Amino acid sequence: MVKGIHWLGHASFRIDNSLTIYIDPWKVQDPRPADVILVTHAHFDHCSPKDIRKLTKEGTIIVCPQSCVGQLQGDVRPVKPGDVLDLGKIRIEAVPSYNTNKPNHPREANNVGYVVEFEGQRIYHAGDTDLIPEMANIRCDVALLPVGGTYTMDADEAARALGQIKPKVAIPMHWGDIVGSRKDAERFAQKAPKEVQVVILDPEQ
């Protein structure tokens, strides 16, 4: 179920098969050209113009909230929560992503997570978020959830989120750089509902 999903550290992923898709590329060491780049919000560890430039080729589509548009060049397509983009082989849903009890990611910023429907699989990248009511509407096979706390939900909250999202597989992120440690990822795995397979990936570069 995690075939083609590569964690690059922090909240950064590469998903590849017939297309190469990046989500929040940051500190990318092996820059493989991207077909689609998705950015969740404007913070430097998620919206990195330097990394995005390294990955952009002719025809690369960059999807991001309006707050990131001024930093990026190329085929940039702004989205807000609720928007859907159909790019042929890939369908992208922008979903809400915000803090409920922290000031870092206010709801009014219109930051997003993404549900990427790609080659028969739905992958949800939550972005920098707390456990929010809208997660009950998410349907996915694989959930990529932050577990580090401080700026996002912690491992316990992320495990509770799985009860709403009900994915087949969950991959913890937002640990091991800036905030969070492997202990957070392991706690998430311990607390997760038994019907969800938690896969703790090592970062690839």
N, C-alpha and C. Protein backbone atom coordinates (compact mmCIF):
# COMPACT_ATOMS: atom_id res chain seq x y z
N MET A 1 0.82 -1.21 0.00
CA MET A 1 0.00 0.00 0.00
C MET A 1 0.86 1.27 0.00
N VAL A 2 2.10 1.20 0.46
CA VAL A 2 2.93 2.40 0.46
C VAL A 2 3.88 2.40 -0.74
N LYS A 3 3.68 1.51 -1.68
CA LYS A 3 4.52 1.50 -2.87
C LYS A 3 4.47 2.86 -3.56
N GLY A 4 5.62 3.38 -3.88
CA GLY A 4 5.70 4.65 -4.58
C GLY A 4 5.64 5.87 -3.69
N ILE A 5 5.50 5.70 -2.36
CA ILE A 5 5.45 6.83 -1.43
C ILE A 5 6.79 6.91 -0.71
N HIS A 6 7.47 8.01 -0.88
CA HIS A 6 8.81 8.20 -0.30
C HIS A 6 8.78 9.41 0.63
N TRP A 7 9.14 9.19 1.89
CA TRP A 7 9.24 10.29 2.85
C TRP A 7 10.64 10.88 2.75
N LEU A 8 10.71 12.18 2.51
CA LEU A 8 12.00 12.86 2.35
C LEU A 8 12.42 13.58 3.63
N GLY A 9 11.69 13.36 4.71
CA GLY A 9 11.95 14.04 5.97
C GLY A 9 10.94 15.14 6.22
N HIS A 10 10.69 15.42 7.50
CA HIS A 10 9.77 16.46 7.93
C HIS A 10 8.38 16.21 7.32
N ALA A 11 7.86 17.13 6.51
CA ALA A 11 6.55 16.92 5.88
C ALA A 11 6.67 16.70 4.38
N SER A 12 7.87 16.40 3.92
CA SER A 12 8.18 16.33 2.49
C SER A 12 8.06 14.89 1.97
N PHE A 13 7.32 14.74 0.88
CA PHE A 13 7.12 13.43 0.27
C PHE A 13 7.30 13.51 -1.24
N ARG A 14 7.73 12.38 -1.81
CA ARG A 14 7.67 12.17 -3.26
C ARG A 14 6.81 10.94 -3.50
N ILE A 15 5.87 11.08 -4.39
CA ILE A 15 5.00 9.96 -4.79
C ILE A 15 5.26 9.72 -6.27
N ASP A 16 5.65 8.50 -6.60
CA ASP A 16 5.94 8.29 -8.01
C ASP A 16 5.44 6.94 -8.51
N ASN A 17 5.06 6.96 -9.74
CA ASN A 17 4.73 5.80 -10.54
C ASN A 17 4.81 6.27 -11.97
N SER A 18 3.67 6.47 -12.64
CA SER A 18 3.74 7.02 -13.99
C SER A 18 3.96 8.53 -13.97
N LEU A 19 3.71 9.16 -12.83
CA LEU A 19 4.00 10.58 -12.62
C LEU A 19 4.87 10.72 -11.38
N THR A 20 5.55 11.85 -11.27
CA THR A 20 6.32 12.17 -10.06
C THR A 20 5.69 13.39 -9.40
N ILE A 21 5.22 13.18 -8.18
CA ILE A 21 4.50 14.21 -7.44
C ILE A 21 5.27 14.48 -6.14
N TYR A 22 5.49 15.75 -5.85
CA TYR A 22 6.09 16.13 -4.57
C TYR A 22 5.06 16.89 -3.74
N ILE A 23 5.12 16.68 -2.43
CA ILE A 23 4.33 17.47 -1.49
C ILE A 23 5.28 18.12 -0.50
N ASP A 24 5.20 19.44 -0.40
CA ASP A 24 6.05 20.23 0.51
C ASP A 24 7.54 19.87 0.41
N PRO A 25 8.11 19.90 -0.79
CA PRO A 25 9.53 19.54 -0.90
C PRO A 25 10.42 20.54 -0.17
N TRP A 26 11.32 20.00 0.66
CA TRP A 26 12.22 20.82 1.48
C TRP A 26 13.48 20.01 1.75
N LYS A 27 14.63 20.65 1.57
CA LYS A 27 15.93 19.99 1.76
C LYS A 27 16.07 18.75 0.85
N VAL A 28 15.61 18.85 -0.37
CA VAL A 28 15.66 17.72 -1.29
C VAL A 28 17.09 17.51 -1.77
N GLN A 29 17.62 16.31 -1.58
CA GLN A 29 18.99 16.00 -1.95
C GLN A 29 19.10 15.30 -3.31
N ASP A 30 18.02 14.66 -3.74
CA ASP A 30 18.01 13.91 -5.00
C ASP A 30 16.89 14.47 -5.86
N PRO A 31 17.13 15.61 -6.52
CA PRO A 31 16.05 16.31 -7.21
C PRO A 31 15.64 15.64 -8.53
N ARG A 32 14.63 14.81 -8.45
CA ARG A 32 14.07 14.19 -9.65
C ARG A 32 12.98 15.11 -10.19
N PRO A 33 12.97 15.39 -11.48
CA PRO A 33 12.00 16.35 -12.03
C PRO A 33 10.56 15.98 -11.69
N ALA A 34 9.78 16.99 -11.35
CA ALA A 34 8.41 16.79 -10.89
C ALA A 34 7.41 17.05 -12.00
N ASP A 35 6.37 16.24 -12.04
CA ASP A 35 5.21 16.54 -12.88
C ASP A 35 4.27 17.48 -12.14
N VAL A 36 4.09 17.25 -10.84
CA VAL A 36 3.21 18.07 -10.01
C VAL A 36 3.89 18.31 -8.67
N ILE A 37 3.83 19.55 -8.19
CA ILE A 37 4.32 19.91 -6.85
C ILE A 37 3.17 20.53 -6.08
N LEU A 38 2.90 19.98 -4.90
CA LEU A 38 1.84 20.48 -4.04
C LEU A 38 2.46 21.13 -2.81
N VAL A 39 1.99 22.31 -2.47
CA VAL A 39 2.49 23.05 -1.31
C VAL A 39 1.31 23.32 -0.38
N THR A 40 1.47 23.04 0.91
CA THR A 40 0.34 23.17 1.83
C THR A 40 0.18 24.57 2.41
N HIS A 41 1.31 25.26 2.65
CA HIS A 41 1.22 26.60 3.22
C HIS A 41 2.56 27.30 3.10
N ALA A 42 2.61 28.57 3.53
CA ALA A 42 3.73 29.45 3.18
C ALA A 42 4.93 29.35 4.11
N HIS A 43 4.89 28.60 5.19
CA HIS A 43 6.06 28.52 6.08
C HIS A 43 7.26 27.91 5.34
N PHE A 44 8.46 28.36 5.71
CA PHE A 44 9.67 28.05 4.95
C PHE A 44 9.95 26.56 4.81
N ASP A 45 9.53 25.77 5.81
CA ASP A 45 9.81 24.34 5.78
C ASP A 45 8.75 23.56 4.99
N HIS A 46 7.85 24.28 4.34
CA HIS A 46 6.83 23.66 3.50
C HIS A 46 6.82 24.29 2.10
N CYS A 47 6.94 25.61 2.06
CA CYS A 47 7.05 26.32 0.78
C CYS A 47 8.49 26.78 0.63
N SER A 48 9.28 26.01 -0.12
CA SER A 48 10.70 26.30 -0.31
C SER A 48 10.96 26.60 -1.78
N PRO A 49 10.97 27.87 -2.17
CA PRO A 49 11.20 28.19 -3.58
C PRO A 49 12.48 27.59 -4.14
N LYS A 50 13.53 27.52 -3.31
CA LYS A 50 14.81 26.95 -3.75
C LYS A 50 14.63 25.50 -4.17
N ASP A 51 13.96 24.72 -3.33
CA ASP A 51 13.74 23.30 -3.66
C ASP A 51 12.81 23.16 -4.85
N ILE A 52 11.77 23.97 -4.90
CA ILE A 52 10.82 23.87 -6.00
C ILE A 52 11.48 24.19 -7.33
N ARG A 53 12.38 25.17 -7.34
CA ARG A 53 13.10 25.47 -8.59
C ARG A 53 13.92 24.27 -9.05
N LYS A 54 14.53 23.56 -8.11
CA LYS A 54 15.36 22.39 -8.46
C LYS A 54 14.52 21.28 -9.09
N LEU A 55 13.24 21.22 -8.77
CA LEU A 55 12.39 20.12 -9.21
C LEU A 55 11.57 20.46 -10.45
N THR A 56 11.51 21.74 -10.79
CA THR A 56 10.63 22.18 -11.86
C THR A 56 11.25 21.93 -13.23
N LYS A 57 10.44 21.38 -14.13
CA LYS A 57 10.83 21.17 -15.53
C LYS A 57 9.75 21.81 -16.39
N GLU A 58 9.92 21.76 -17.68
CA GLU A 58 8.87 22.25 -18.57
C GLU A 58 7.61 21.40 -18.36
N GLY A 59 6.51 22.07 -18.08
CA GLY A 59 5.25 21.35 -17.88
C GLY A 59 4.92 21.04 -16.44
N THR A 60 5.82 21.31 -15.49
CA THR A 60 5.53 21.07 -14.08
C THR A 60 4.39 21.97 -13.62
N ILE A 61 3.43 21.38 -12.93
CA ILE A 61 2.30 22.13 -12.36
C ILE A 61 2.55 22.28 -10.87
N ILE A 62 2.44 23.52 -10.37
CA ILE A 62 2.64 23.82 -8.95
C ILE A 62 1.30 24.26 -8.38
N VAL A 63 0.85 23.54 -7.36
CA VAL A 63 -0.43 23.83 -6.71
C VAL A 63 -0.14 24.32 -5.30
N CYS A 64 -0.75 25.44 -4.90
CA CYS A 64 -0.44 26.02 -3.60
C CYS A 64 -1.54 26.98 -3.18
N PRO A 65 -1.60 27.33 -1.89
CA PRO A 65 -2.52 28.39 -1.46
C PRO A 65 -2.08 29.75 -2.00
N GLN A 66 -3.00 30.69 -1.99
CA GLN A 66 -2.72 32.03 -2.50
C GLN A 66 -1.52 32.66 -1.79
N SER A 67 -1.32 32.33 -0.51
CA SER A 67 -0.24 32.94 0.27
C SER A 67 1.14 32.59 -0.26
N CYS A 68 1.26 31.55 -1.09
CA CYS A 68 2.55 31.13 -1.61
C CYS A 68 2.82 31.65 -3.03
N VAL A 69 1.79 32.13 -3.70
CA VAL A 69 1.88 32.40 -5.14
C VAL A 69 3.01 33.36 -5.47
N GLY A 70 3.19 34.41 -4.68
CA GLY A 70 4.20 35.42 -4.99
C GLY A 70 5.62 34.93 -4.89
N GLN A 71 5.84 33.78 -4.23
CA GLN A 71 7.20 33.25 -4.07
C GLN A 71 7.59 32.29 -5.20
N LEU A 72 6.64 31.87 -6.02
CA LEU A 72 6.88 30.77 -6.94
C LEU A 72 6.73 31.21 -8.39
N GLN A 73 7.43 30.50 -9.26
CA GLN A 73 7.40 30.82 -10.69
C GLN A 73 7.01 29.58 -11.48
N GLY A 74 6.40 29.81 -12.64
CA GLY A 74 6.01 28.70 -13.51
C GLY A 74 4.50 28.58 -13.58
N ASP A 75 4.01 27.38 -13.81
CA ASP A 75 2.57 27.12 -13.92
C ASP A 75 2.02 26.93 -12.51
N VAL A 76 1.73 28.06 -11.86
CA VAL A 76 1.30 28.05 -10.46
C VAL A 76 -0.22 28.17 -10.41
N ARG A 77 -0.85 27.25 -9.70
CA ARG A 77 -2.31 27.21 -9.64
C ARG A 77 -2.77 27.32 -8.18
N PRO A 78 -3.29 28.49 -7.80
CA PRO A 78 -3.70 28.69 -6.41
C PRO A 78 -4.99 27.92 -6.09
N VAL A 79 -5.04 27.41 -4.85
CA VAL A 79 -6.23 26.70 -4.38
C VAL A 79 -6.58 27.16 -2.97
N LYS A 80 -7.80 26.89 -2.59
CA LYS A 80 -8.25 27.11 -1.22
C LYS A 80 -9.02 25.86 -0.80
N PRO A 81 -9.27 25.70 0.51
CA PRO A 81 -9.99 24.51 0.95
C PRO A 81 -11.32 24.35 0.21
N GLY A 82 -11.57 23.14 -0.27
CA GLY A 82 -12.78 22.85 -1.02
C GLY A 82 -12.57 22.78 -2.52
N ASP A 83 -11.44 23.29 -3.01
CA ASP A 83 -11.17 23.26 -4.44
C ASP A 83 -10.77 21.85 -4.89
N VAL A 84 -11.10 21.53 -6.14
CA VAL A 84 -10.71 20.26 -6.74
C VAL A 84 -10.08 20.55 -8.10
N LEU A 85 -8.93 19.93 -8.36
CA LEU A 85 -8.26 20.04 -9.65
C LEU A 85 -8.20 18.66 -10.29
N ASP A 86 -8.65 18.56 -11.52
CA ASP A 86 -8.55 17.32 -12.27
C ASP A 86 -7.46 17.52 -13.33
N LEU A 87 -6.33 16.86 -13.13
CA LEU A 87 -5.18 17.03 -14.02
C LEU A 87 -4.98 15.81 -14.92
N GLY A 88 -6.06 15.08 -15.17
CA GLY A 88 -5.95 13.91 -16.05
C GLY A 88 -5.66 12.66 -15.25
N LYS A 89 -4.38 12.30 -15.15
CA LYS A 89 -4.01 11.10 -14.40
C LYS A 89 -4.14 11.27 -12.90
N ILE A 90 -4.26 12.51 -12.46
CA ILE A 90 -4.27 12.79 -11.03
C ILE A 90 -5.39 13.78 -10.70
N ARG A 91 -6.11 13.48 -9.62
CA ARG A 91 -7.17 14.37 -9.13
C ARG A 91 -6.76 14.85 -7.75
N ILE A 92 -6.85 16.15 -7.54
CA ILE A 92 -6.35 16.76 -6.30
C ILE A 92 -7.48 17.50 -5.61
N GLU A 93 -7.73 17.14 -4.36
CA GLU A 93 -8.70 17.85 -3.53
C GLU A 93 -7.93 18.65 -2.48
N ALA A 94 -8.17 19.94 -2.42
CA ALA A 94 -7.60 20.77 -1.36
C ALA A 94 -8.57 20.75 -0.17
N VAL A 95 -8.06 20.41 1.00
CA VAL A 95 -8.92 20.25 2.18
C VAL A 95 -8.41 21.15 3.31
N PRO A 96 -9.27 21.46 4.29
CA PRO A 96 -8.85 22.36 5.37
C PRO A 96 -7.68 21.81 6.18
N SER A 97 -6.87 22.73 6.69
CA SER A 97 -5.70 22.38 7.51
C SER A 97 -5.42 23.59 8.39
N TYR A 98 -5.62 23.43 9.71
CA TYR A 98 -5.45 24.59 10.59
C TYR A 98 -5.30 24.14 12.03
N ASN A 99 -4.86 25.08 12.87
CA ASN A 99 -4.73 24.84 14.31
C ASN A 99 -6.02 25.26 15.02
N THR A 100 -6.34 24.50 16.06
CA THR A 100 -7.52 24.82 16.87
C THR A 100 -7.14 25.49 18.19
N ASN A 101 -5.91 25.27 18.66
CA ASN A 101 -5.51 25.80 19.98
C ASN A 101 -4.09 26.35 19.97
N LYS A 102 -3.65 26.76 18.79
CA LYS A 102 -2.31 27.33 18.61
C LYS A 102 -2.43 28.48 17.61
N PRO A 103 -1.52 29.44 17.64
CA PRO A 103 -1.62 30.59 16.73
C PRO A 103 -0.91 30.39 15.39
N ASN A 104 -0.22 29.29 15.21
CA ASN A 104 0.71 29.15 14.08
C ASN A 104 0.04 29.03 12.71
N HIS A 105 -1.09 28.33 12.68
CA HIS A 105 -1.77 28.08 11.41
C HIS A 105 -3.26 28.38 11.57
N PRO A 106 -3.62 29.65 11.55
CA PRO A 106 -5.02 30.02 11.77
C PRO A 106 -5.91 29.58 10.61
N ARG A 107 -7.15 29.29 10.93
CA ARG A 107 -8.09 28.82 9.91
C ARG A 107 -8.23 29.84 8.78
N GLU A 108 -8.23 31.14 9.13
CA GLU A 108 -8.45 32.17 8.12
C GLU A 108 -7.30 32.30 7.14
N ALA A 109 -6.17 31.64 7.41
CA ALA A 109 -5.04 31.67 6.46
C ALA A 109 -5.33 30.85 5.20
N ASN A 110 -6.35 29.99 5.26
CA ASN A 110 -6.70 29.14 4.12
C ASN A 110 -5.56 28.22 3.69
N ASN A 111 -4.79 27.75 4.67
CA ASN A 111 -3.83 26.69 4.38
C ASN A 111 -4.59 25.42 3.99
N VAL A 112 -3.90 24.50 3.35
CA VAL A 112 -4.58 23.30 2.87
C VAL A 112 -3.80 22.03 3.18
N GLY A 113 -4.52 20.94 3.24
CA GLY A 113 -3.98 19.61 3.05
C GLY A 113 -4.45 19.15 1.67
N TYR A 114 -4.05 17.97 1.28
CA TYR A 114 -4.45 17.47 -0.05
C TYR A 114 -4.87 16.02 0.03
N VAL A 115 -5.90 15.68 -0.73
CA VAL A 115 -6.19 14.29 -1.03
C VAL A 115 -5.85 14.09 -2.51
N VAL A 116 -4.87 13.25 -2.75
CA VAL A 116 -4.38 13.00 -4.10
C VAL A 116 -4.91 11.64 -4.57
N GLU A 117 -5.70 11.65 -5.61
CA GLU A 117 -6.21 10.40 -6.17
C GLU A 117 -5.39 10.08 -7.41
N PHE A 118 -4.69 8.96 -7.35
CA PHE A 118 -3.62 8.70 -8.31
C PHE A 118 -3.48 7.20 -8.48
N GLU A 119 -3.75 6.72 -9.69
CA GLU A 119 -3.57 5.30 -10.03
C GLU A 119 -4.29 4.38 -9.04
N GLY A 120 -5.56 4.71 -8.78
CA GLY A 120 -6.40 3.86 -7.97
C GLY A 120 -6.19 3.97 -6.47
N GLN A 121 -5.43 4.95 -6.04
CA GLN A 121 -5.11 5.11 -4.61
C GLN A 121 -5.38 6.54 -4.19
N ARG A 122 -5.98 6.71 -3.02
CA ARG A 122 -6.22 8.05 -2.46
C ARG A 122 -5.27 8.27 -1.28
N ILE A 123 -4.44 9.30 -1.41
CA ILE A 123 -3.43 9.62 -0.40
C ILE A 123 -3.75 10.99 0.18
N TYR A 124 -3.85 11.04 1.51
CA TYR A 124 -4.17 12.28 2.21
C TYR A 124 -2.93 12.80 2.91
N HIS A 125 -2.50 14.01 2.55
CA HIS A 125 -1.42 14.72 3.26
C HIS A 125 -2.10 15.83 4.05
N ALA A 126 -2.02 15.76 5.37
CA ALA A 126 -2.82 16.64 6.21
C ALA A 126 -2.29 18.06 6.31
N GLY A 127 -1.02 18.30 5.93
CA GLY A 127 -0.43 19.61 6.17
C GLY A 127 -0.19 19.83 7.65
N ASP A 128 0.05 21.08 8.03
CA ASP A 128 0.27 21.43 9.43
C ASP A 128 -1.07 21.71 10.08
N THR A 129 -1.61 20.73 10.77
CA THR A 129 -2.97 20.83 11.28
C THR A 129 -3.09 20.19 12.65
N ASP A 130 -4.13 20.56 13.35
CA ASP A 130 -4.57 19.84 14.53
C ASP A 130 -5.65 18.85 14.11
N LEU A 131 -6.16 18.13 15.06
CA LEU A 131 -7.33 17.28 14.84
C LEU A 131 -8.52 18.21 14.64
N ILE A 132 -9.10 18.21 13.45
CA ILE A 132 -10.17 19.14 13.12
C ILE A 132 -11.42 18.37 12.67
N PRO A 133 -12.60 18.95 12.84
CA PRO A 133 -13.83 18.24 12.50
C PRO A 133 -13.91 17.79 11.05
N GLU A 134 -13.31 18.57 10.16
CA GLU A 134 -13.39 18.25 8.73
C GLU A 134 -12.73 16.92 8.37
N MET A 135 -11.89 16.41 9.26
CA MET A 135 -11.25 15.12 8.99
C MET A 135 -12.27 13.99 8.87
N ALA A 136 -13.44 14.17 9.48
CA ALA A 136 -14.48 13.14 9.38
C ALA A 136 -14.96 12.98 7.94
N ASN A 137 -14.71 13.97 7.09
CA ASN A 137 -15.14 13.91 5.69
C ASN A 137 -14.07 13.35 4.75
N ILE A 138 -12.87 13.11 5.29
CA ILE A 138 -11.77 12.63 4.46
C ILE A 138 -11.93 11.13 4.20
N ARG A 139 -11.79 10.74 2.95
CA ARG A 139 -11.77 9.32 2.59
C ARG A 139 -10.48 9.04 1.85
N CYS A 140 -9.69 8.12 2.37
CA CYS A 140 -8.40 7.86 1.74
C CYS A 140 -7.94 6.44 2.06
N ASP A 141 -6.99 5.97 1.29
CA ASP A 141 -6.34 4.69 1.55
C ASP A 141 -5.13 4.86 2.46
N VAL A 142 -4.40 5.95 2.22
CA VAL A 142 -3.17 6.24 2.98
C VAL A 142 -3.28 7.64 3.56
N ALA A 143 -2.98 7.77 4.86
CA ALA A 143 -2.99 9.08 5.51
C ALA A 143 -1.59 9.42 5.99
N LEU A 144 -1.11 10.59 5.61
CA LEU A 144 0.18 11.13 6.03
C LEU A 144 -0.13 12.20 7.07
N LEU A 145 0.17 11.91 8.34
CA LEU A 145 -0.29 12.78 9.43
C LEU A 145 0.88 13.30 10.27
N PRO A 146 0.84 14.58 10.65
CA PRO A 146 1.86 15.12 11.54
C PRO A 146 1.67 14.58 12.95
N VAL A 147 2.79 14.30 13.63
CA VAL A 147 2.72 13.72 14.98
C VAL A 147 3.62 14.45 15.97
N GLY A 148 4.34 15.47 15.53
CA GLY A 148 5.40 16.06 16.35
C GLY A 148 4.95 17.00 17.43
N GLY A 149 3.68 17.46 17.38
CA GLY A 149 3.23 18.43 18.37
C GLY A 149 3.84 19.80 18.13
N THR A 150 3.70 20.70 19.07
CA THR A 150 4.19 22.09 19.06
C THR A 150 3.44 22.94 18.03
N TYR A 151 3.59 22.62 16.74
CA TYR A 151 2.93 23.40 15.67
C TYR A 151 1.77 22.63 15.05
N THR A 152 1.64 21.37 15.39
CA THR A 152 0.61 20.50 14.81
C THR A 152 0.05 19.61 15.93
N MET A 153 -0.84 18.71 15.55
CA MET A 153 -1.29 17.73 16.54
C MET A 153 -0.13 16.83 16.95
N ASP A 154 -0.26 16.29 18.15
CA ASP A 154 0.77 15.38 18.63
C ASP A 154 0.39 13.93 18.30
N ALA A 155 1.18 12.99 18.77
CA ALA A 155 0.96 11.58 18.40
C ALA A 155 -0.40 11.07 18.87
N ASP A 156 -0.80 11.45 20.06
CA ASP A 156 -2.09 10.99 20.59
C ASP A 156 -3.25 11.54 19.76
N GLU A 157 -3.19 12.84 19.44
CA GLU A 157 -4.25 13.45 18.64
C GLU A 157 -4.28 12.85 17.23
N ALA A 158 -3.11 12.60 16.66
CA ALA A 158 -3.05 12.01 15.32
C ALA A 158 -3.65 10.60 15.32
N ALA A 159 -3.41 9.86 16.40
CA ALA A 159 -4.01 8.52 16.50
C ALA A 159 -5.53 8.62 16.58
N ARG A 160 -6.02 9.63 17.32
CA ARG A 160 -7.48 9.83 17.37
C ARG A 160 -8.03 10.22 16.00
N ALA A 161 -7.25 10.99 15.26
CA ALA A 161 -7.69 11.37 13.91
C ALA A 161 -7.92 10.15 13.03
N LEU A 162 -7.12 9.11 13.23
CA LEU A 162 -7.28 7.90 12.43
C LEU A 162 -8.67 7.29 12.64
N GLY A 163 -9.22 7.47 13.83
CA GLY A 163 -10.56 6.96 14.08
C GLY A 163 -11.62 7.64 13.23
N GLN A 164 -11.35 8.89 12.83
CA GLN A 164 -12.27 9.61 11.95
C GLN A 164 -11.99 9.32 10.48
N ILE A 165 -10.72 9.30 10.12
CA ILE A 165 -10.34 9.18 8.71
C ILE A 165 -10.49 7.74 8.21
N LYS A 166 -10.16 6.80 9.08
CA LYS A 166 -10.27 5.36 8.76
C LYS A 166 -9.49 4.94 7.50
N PRO A 167 -8.21 5.29 7.40
CA PRO A 167 -7.42 4.83 6.27
C PRO A 167 -7.00 3.37 6.46
N LYS A 168 -6.50 2.77 5.41
CA LYS A 168 -5.93 1.43 5.54
C LYS A 168 -4.51 1.51 6.12
N VAL A 169 -3.79 2.56 5.71
CA VAL A 169 -2.39 2.73 6.10
C VAL A 169 -2.18 4.17 6.57
N ALA A 170 -1.35 4.36 7.58
CA ALA A 170 -0.98 5.69 8.04
C ALA A 170 0.54 5.80 8.15
N ILE A 171 1.06 6.94 7.74
CA ILE A 171 2.49 7.22 7.81
C ILE A 171 2.68 8.51 8.62
N PRO A 172 3.41 8.44 9.75
CA PRO A 172 3.64 9.65 10.53
C PRO A 172 4.68 10.56 9.86
N MET A 173 4.46 11.86 10.00
CA MET A 173 5.39 12.85 9.44
C MET A 173 5.52 13.99 10.45
N HIS A 174 6.28 15.01 10.04
CA HIS A 174 6.52 16.18 10.88
C HIS A 174 7.16 15.75 12.20
N TRP A 175 8.18 14.90 12.07
CA TRP A 175 9.02 14.52 13.21
C TRP A 175 10.44 14.35 12.67
N GLY A 176 11.41 14.46 13.56
CA GLY A 176 12.80 14.21 13.18
C GLY A 176 13.55 15.42 12.67
N ASP A 177 12.86 16.56 12.49
CA ASP A 177 13.51 17.80 12.06
C ASP A 177 12.66 18.95 12.58
N ILE A 178 13.24 19.87 13.26
CA ILE A 178 12.57 21.02 13.90
C ILE A 178 11.83 20.57 15.16
N VAL A 179 10.86 19.67 15.01
CA VAL A 179 10.13 19.17 16.18
C VAL A 179 9.91 17.67 16.02
N GLY A 180 9.68 17.01 17.15
CA GLY A 180 9.30 15.60 17.12
C GLY A 180 10.48 14.67 16.95
N SER A 181 10.28 13.42 17.38
CA SER A 181 11.31 12.40 17.30
C SER A 181 10.68 11.08 16.92
N ARG A 182 11.52 10.08 16.72
CA ARG A 182 11.01 8.74 16.41
C ARG A 182 10.08 8.25 17.52
N LYS A 183 10.32 8.69 18.74
CA LYS A 183 9.43 8.28 19.84
C LYS A 183 8.00 8.72 19.59
N ASP A 184 7.84 9.89 18.97
CA ASP A 184 6.49 10.35 18.63
C ASP A 184 5.85 9.45 17.57
N ALA A 185 6.65 9.07 16.57
CA ALA A 185 6.14 8.17 15.54
C ALA A 185 5.76 6.82 16.13
N GLU A 186 6.58 6.33 17.05
CA GLU A 186 6.30 5.04 17.68
C GLU A 186 5.08 5.12 18.58
N ARG A 187 4.91 6.23 19.28
CA ARG A 187 3.73 6.40 20.12
C ARG A 187 2.47 6.43 19.25
N PHE A 188 2.54 7.10 18.13
CA PHE A 188 1.43 7.13 17.17
C PHE A 188 1.06 5.71 16.74
N ALA A 189 2.07 4.91 16.43
CA ALA A 189 1.82 3.53 16.02
C ALA A 189 1.16 2.73 17.14
N GLN A 190 1.60 2.94 18.37
CA GLN A 190 1.05 2.22 19.52
C GLN A 190 -0.41 2.60 19.78
N LYS A 191 -0.74 3.86 19.56
CA LYS A 191 -2.07 4.37 19.88
C LYS A 191 -3.07 4.20 18.73
N ALA A 192 -2.59 3.88 17.56
CA ALA A 192 -3.45 3.81 16.39
C ALA A 192 -4.49 2.70 16.51
N PRO A 193 -5.66 2.86 15.92
CA PRO A 193 -6.64 1.77 15.89
C PRO A 193 -6.03 0.53 15.25
N LYS A 194 -6.41 -0.63 15.76
CA LYS A 194 -5.80 -1.88 15.30
C LYS A 194 -6.02 -2.15 13.82
N GLU A 195 -7.11 -1.61 13.28
CA GLU A 195 -7.41 -1.87 11.87
C GLU A 195 -6.59 -1.02 10.90
N VAL A 196 -5.81 -0.08 11.44
CA VAL A 196 -4.96 0.77 10.60
C VAL A 196 -3.51 0.30 10.69
N GLN A 197 -2.90 0.05 9.55
CA GLN A 197 -1.49 -0.33 9.51
C GLN A 197 -0.64 0.94 9.53
N VAL A 198 0.16 1.11 10.56
CA VAL A 198 1.06 2.26 10.64
C VAL A 198 2.43 1.86 10.14
N VAL A 199 2.95 2.61 9.18
CA VAL A 199 4.26 2.37 8.60
C VAL A 199 5.15 3.56 8.92
N ILE A 200 6.20 3.33 9.71
CA ILE A 200 7.16 4.39 10.03
C ILE A 200 8.30 4.31 9.02
N LEU A 201 8.36 5.31 8.16
CA LEU A 201 9.37 5.34 7.12
C LEU A 201 10.64 6.01 7.61
N ASP A 202 11.77 5.60 7.10
CA ASP A 202 13.01 6.33 7.27
C ASP A 202 13.12 7.35 6.14
N PRO A 203 13.63 8.53 6.42
CA PRO A 203 13.72 9.54 5.36
C PRO A 203 14.66 9.13 4.25
N GLU A 204 14.21 9.35 3.03
CA GLU A 204 15.03 9.10 1.84
C GLU A 204 15.52 10.43 1.30
N GLN A 205 16.70 10.41 0.74
CA GLN A 205 17.18 11.60 0.04
C GLN A 205 17.83 11.16 -1.27
